[in-house]
Amino acid sequence: MPIIPHALPDLCNLVGHVAAILTTVAFVPQAFKSWQTRDLSGVSLPMYSFFTVGVVMWLIYGVMLDSWPIIIANAITIVLAGVVLVLKVIHR
């Protein structure tokens, strides 16, 4: 039995975990800066609204697949994007 096909699921999981971590961590600076400064003039309300709904859909997809990297990453991203979205609405 070849080694490469057997290792493919592990590689797929590694890629999924790394992607989940990177895309989630990418929102930390924006959420932190928005929280600190309350300056959201450069943030697009329609973009963050669509994005947040999209993240909710990714979370639902992850639950349907029982994929923990998708579930955890999108649950955290919902919180981070939600902070920015709420601050944008409050400080319009």
N, C-alpha and C. Protein backbone atom coordinates (compact mmCIF):
# COMPACT_ATOMS: atom_id res chain seq x y z
N MET A 1 0.85 -1.19 0.00
CA MET A 1 0.00 0.00 0.00
C MET A 1 0.89 1.25 0.00
N PRO A 2 0.67 2.20 -0.91
CA PRO A 2 1.51 3.40 -1.01
C PRO A 2 1.36 4.30 0.23
N ILE A 3 2.45 4.98 0.57
CA ILE A 3 2.48 5.86 1.74
C ILE A 3 1.72 7.17 1.47
N ILE A 4 1.84 7.74 0.30
CA ILE A 4 1.26 9.05 0.00
C ILE A 4 -0.26 9.08 0.17
N PRO A 5 -1.02 8.18 -0.43
CA PRO A 5 -2.47 8.25 -0.23
C PRO A 5 -2.88 8.11 1.23
N HIS A 6 -2.12 7.33 2.00
CA HIS A 6 -2.45 7.14 3.40
C HIS A 6 -2.20 8.42 4.21
N ALA A 7 -1.22 9.21 3.80
CA ALA A 7 -0.88 10.44 4.50
C ALA A 7 -1.76 11.61 4.10
N LEU A 8 -2.49 11.49 3.02
CA LEU A 8 -3.30 12.60 2.50
C LEU A 8 -4.33 13.12 3.50
N PRO A 9 -5.08 12.28 4.22
CA PRO A 9 -6.02 12.83 5.21
C PRO A 9 -5.33 13.67 6.29
N ASP A 10 -4.16 13.26 6.73
CA ASP A 10 -3.41 14.04 7.72
C ASP A 10 -3.00 15.39 7.14
N LEU A 11 -2.57 15.41 5.89
CA LEU A 11 -2.20 16.65 5.22
C LEU A 11 -3.41 17.56 5.08
N CYS A 12 -4.54 17.00 4.72
CA CYS A 12 -5.78 17.79 4.59
C CYS A 12 -6.17 18.41 5.93
N ASN A 13 -6.07 17.64 7.00
CA ASN A 13 -6.38 18.17 8.33
C ASN A 13 -5.41 19.27 8.74
N LEU A 14 -4.14 19.07 8.44
CA LEU A 14 -3.14 20.10 8.76
C LEU A 14 -3.44 21.39 8.01
N VAL A 15 -3.73 21.29 6.73
CA VAL A 15 -4.07 22.47 5.92
C VAL A 15 -5.31 23.16 6.49
N GLY A 16 -6.31 22.38 6.84
CA GLY A 16 -7.54 22.95 7.42
C GLY A 16 -7.30 23.67 8.72
N HIS A 17 -6.50 23.07 9.59
CA HIS A 17 -6.20 23.69 10.88
C HIS A 17 -5.40 24.98 10.71
N VAL A 18 -4.39 24.95 9.85
CA VAL A 18 -3.58 26.15 9.63
C VAL A 18 -4.42 27.26 9.00
N ALA A 19 -5.24 26.92 8.03
CA ALA A 19 -6.12 27.91 7.40
C ALA A 19 -7.08 28.51 8.42
N ALA A 20 -7.65 27.68 9.27
CA ALA A 20 -8.59 28.15 10.29
C ALA A 20 -7.89 29.12 11.25
N ILE A 21 -6.70 28.77 11.68
CA ILE A 21 -5.96 29.63 12.61
C ILE A 21 -5.61 30.96 11.96
N LEU A 22 -5.08 30.93 10.74
CA LEU A 22 -4.65 32.16 10.08
C LEU A 22 -5.82 33.09 9.78
N THR A 23 -6.92 32.56 9.26
CA THR A 23 -8.04 33.44 8.91
C THR A 23 -8.75 33.98 10.15
N THR A 24 -8.70 33.25 11.24
CA THR A 24 -9.30 33.74 12.48
C THR A 24 -8.42 34.79 13.12
N VAL A 25 -7.13 34.52 13.22
CA VAL A 25 -6.19 35.45 13.83
C VAL A 25 -6.13 36.76 13.04
N ALA A 26 -6.39 36.71 11.75
CA ALA A 26 -6.34 37.91 10.91
C ALA A 26 -7.33 38.98 11.38
N PHE A 27 -8.38 38.60 12.07
CA PHE A 27 -9.39 39.57 12.52
C PHE A 27 -9.08 40.19 13.87
N VAL A 28 -8.13 39.63 14.60
CA VAL A 28 -7.81 40.14 15.93
C VAL A 28 -7.33 41.59 15.88
N PRO A 29 -6.40 41.97 15.00
CA PRO A 29 -5.96 43.38 14.99
C PRO A 29 -7.09 44.36 14.68
N GLN A 30 -7.96 44.02 13.74
CA GLN A 30 -9.06 44.93 13.39
C GLN A 30 -10.04 45.08 14.56
N ALA A 31 -10.39 43.97 15.18
CA ALA A 31 -11.31 44.02 16.31
C ALA A 31 -10.69 44.80 17.47
N PHE A 32 -9.42 44.55 17.75
CA PHE A 32 -8.73 45.23 18.84
C PHE A 32 -8.63 46.74 18.58
N LYS A 33 -8.22 47.10 17.37
CA LYS A 33 -8.10 48.52 17.03
C LYS A 33 -9.46 49.22 17.07
N SER A 34 -10.48 48.55 16.56
CA SER A 34 -11.82 49.13 16.56
C SER A 34 -12.32 49.33 17.99
N TRP A 35 -12.05 48.35 18.84
CA TRP A 35 -12.48 48.43 20.24
C TRP A 35 -11.74 49.57 20.96
N GLN A 36 -10.44 49.66 20.70
CA GLN A 36 -9.62 50.66 21.37
C GLN A 36 -9.94 52.08 20.93
N THR A 37 -10.01 52.32 19.64
CA THR A 37 -10.14 53.68 19.12
C THR A 37 -11.58 54.11 18.89
N ARG A 38 -12.46 53.16 18.71
CA ARG A 38 -13.87 53.44 18.35
C ARG A 38 -13.95 54.19 17.02
N ASP A 39 -12.86 54.17 16.25
CA ASP A 39 -12.83 54.80 14.92
C ASP A 39 -13.07 53.72 13.88
N LEU A 40 -14.25 53.70 13.35
CA LEU A 40 -14.61 52.71 12.34
C LEU A 40 -14.95 53.37 11.02
N SER A 41 -14.40 54.56 10.79
CA SER A 41 -14.71 55.29 9.57
C SER A 41 -14.25 54.56 8.32
N GLY A 42 -13.22 53.76 8.43
CA GLY A 42 -12.72 53.02 7.28
C GLY A 42 -13.35 51.65 7.11
N VAL A 43 -14.31 51.32 7.96
CA VAL A 43 -14.96 50.01 7.91
C VAL A 43 -16.28 50.12 7.16
N SER A 44 -16.47 49.26 6.19
CA SER A 44 -17.70 49.25 5.39
C SER A 44 -18.78 48.44 6.09
N LEU A 45 -19.89 49.08 6.42
CA LEU A 45 -21.00 48.39 7.07
C LEU A 45 -21.59 47.28 6.20
N PRO A 46 -21.84 47.53 4.91
CA PRO A 46 -22.37 46.43 4.08
C PRO A 46 -21.38 45.25 3.99
N MET A 47 -20.09 45.54 3.85
CA MET A 47 -19.11 44.46 3.75
C MET A 47 -19.09 43.63 5.02
N TYR A 48 -19.03 44.27 6.18
CA TYR A 48 -18.97 43.51 7.43
C TYR A 48 -20.28 42.78 7.69
N SER A 49 -21.40 43.35 7.25
CA SER A 49 -22.70 42.66 7.40
C SER A 49 -22.72 41.38 6.58
N PHE A 50 -22.35 41.50 5.30
CA PHE A 50 -22.31 40.31 4.44
C PHE A 50 -21.29 39.30 4.95
N PHE A 51 -20.14 39.80 5.36
CA PHE A 51 -19.09 38.92 5.85
C PHE A 51 -19.56 38.14 7.09
N THR A 52 -20.19 38.84 8.03
CA THR A 52 -20.65 38.18 9.26
C THR A 52 -21.70 37.13 8.95
N VAL A 53 -22.62 37.42 8.05
CA VAL A 53 -23.61 36.42 7.64
C VAL A 53 -22.91 35.23 6.98
N GLY A 54 -21.91 35.51 6.15
CA GLY A 54 -21.14 34.44 5.52
C GLY A 54 -20.43 33.56 6.54
N VAL A 55 -19.88 34.16 7.58
CA VAL A 55 -19.21 33.39 8.63
C VAL A 55 -20.22 32.52 9.37
N VAL A 56 -21.41 33.05 9.61
CA VAL A 56 -22.47 32.24 10.24
C VAL A 56 -22.78 31.03 9.36
N MET A 57 -22.84 31.25 8.04
CA MET A 57 -23.10 30.14 7.13
C MET A 57 -21.96 29.12 7.16
N TRP A 58 -20.71 29.58 7.24
CA TRP A 58 -19.57 28.67 7.37
C TRP A 58 -19.67 27.87 8.66
N LEU A 59 -20.10 28.52 9.73
CA LEU A 59 -20.27 27.81 11.00
C LEU A 59 -21.32 26.71 10.87
N ILE A 60 -22.44 27.03 10.26
CA ILE A 60 -23.50 26.04 10.04
C ILE A 60 -22.96 24.89 9.18
N TYR A 61 -22.22 25.22 8.15
CA TYR A 61 -21.61 24.22 7.29
C TYR A 61 -20.67 23.31 8.09
N GLY A 62 -19.85 23.92 8.93
CA GLY A 62 -18.94 23.14 9.77
C GLY A 62 -19.68 22.21 10.71
N VAL A 63 -20.79 22.69 11.27
CA VAL A 63 -21.60 21.84 12.15
C VAL A 63 -22.19 20.68 11.36
N MET A 64 -22.68 20.98 10.17
CA MET A 64 -23.27 19.93 9.33
C MET A 64 -22.25 18.86 8.97
N LEU A 65 -20.97 19.27 8.77
CA LEU A 65 -19.91 18.33 8.43
C LEU A 65 -19.25 17.74 9.67
N ASP A 66 -19.57 18.27 10.84
CA ASP A 66 -18.91 17.89 12.09
C ASP A 66 -17.41 18.11 11.97
N SER A 67 -17.04 19.28 11.42
CA SER A 67 -15.64 19.63 11.20
C SER A 67 -15.20 20.67 12.23
N TRP A 68 -14.45 20.22 13.23
CA TRP A 68 -14.06 21.09 14.32
C TRP A 68 -13.19 22.28 13.90
N PRO A 69 -12.28 22.13 12.95
CA PRO A 69 -11.53 23.33 12.54
C PRO A 69 -12.47 24.42 11.98
N ILE A 70 -13.45 24.02 11.20
CA ILE A 70 -14.40 25.00 10.64
C ILE A 70 -15.27 25.58 11.74
N ILE A 71 -15.74 24.74 12.64
CA ILE A 71 -16.63 25.20 13.72
C ILE A 71 -15.92 26.18 14.64
N ILE A 72 -14.76 25.80 15.14
CA ILE A 72 -14.05 26.65 16.11
C ILE A 72 -13.60 27.96 15.47
N ALA A 73 -13.00 27.87 14.28
CA ALA A 73 -12.51 29.09 13.62
C ALA A 73 -13.64 30.06 13.34
N ASN A 74 -14.76 29.57 12.87
CA ASN A 74 -15.86 30.47 12.53
C ASN A 74 -16.60 30.97 13.75
N ALA A 75 -16.66 30.19 14.81
CA ALA A 75 -17.26 30.67 16.05
C ALA A 75 -16.46 31.85 16.61
N ILE A 76 -15.13 31.72 16.60
CA ILE A 76 -14.27 32.81 17.07
C ILE A 76 -14.37 34.01 16.13
N THR A 77 -14.37 33.76 14.83
CA THR A 77 -14.45 34.85 13.85
C THR A 77 -15.77 35.59 13.95
N ILE A 78 -16.86 34.89 14.26
CA ILE A 78 -18.16 35.55 14.46
C ILE A 78 -18.06 36.56 15.60
N VAL A 79 -17.41 36.17 16.68
CA VAL A 79 -17.25 37.08 17.81
C VAL A 79 -16.43 38.30 17.41
N LEU A 80 -15.30 38.07 16.74
CA LEU A 80 -14.43 39.18 16.35
C LEU A 80 -15.11 40.10 15.33
N ALA A 81 -15.69 39.52 14.30
CA ALA A 81 -16.37 40.33 13.29
C ALA A 81 -17.61 40.98 13.89
N GLY A 82 -18.27 40.29 14.80
CA GLY A 82 -19.45 40.85 15.46
C GLY A 82 -19.10 42.07 16.29
N VAL A 83 -17.96 42.05 16.96
CA VAL A 83 -17.52 43.23 17.72
C VAL A 83 -17.37 44.42 16.79
N VAL A 84 -16.69 44.21 15.67
CA VAL A 84 -16.49 45.31 14.71
C VAL A 84 -17.83 45.78 14.16
N LEU A 85 -18.69 44.84 13.82
CA LEU A 85 -19.99 45.20 13.26
C LEU A 85 -20.85 45.98 14.25
N VAL A 86 -20.91 45.53 15.48
CA VAL A 86 -21.69 46.23 16.51
C VAL A 86 -21.12 47.62 16.76
N LEU A 87 -19.80 47.72 16.88
CA LEU A 87 -19.18 49.03 17.07
C LEU A 87 -19.46 49.97 15.90
N LYS A 88 -19.45 49.43 14.69
CA LYS A 88 -19.74 50.25 13.50
C LYS A 88 -21.16 50.78 13.56
N VAL A 89 -22.11 49.95 13.95
CA VAL A 89 -23.51 50.38 14.03
C VAL A 89 -23.70 51.40 15.16
N ILE A 90 -23.09 51.15 16.30
CA ILE A 90 -23.24 52.05 17.45
C ILE A 90 -22.59 53.41 17.19
N HIS A 91 -21.43 53.41 16.56
CA HIS A 91 -20.65 54.65 16.37
C HIS A 91 -20.78 55.22 14.97
N ARG A 92 -21.96 55.12 14.39
CA ARG A 92 -22.19 55.67 13.04
C ARG A 92 -22.23 57.16 13.06
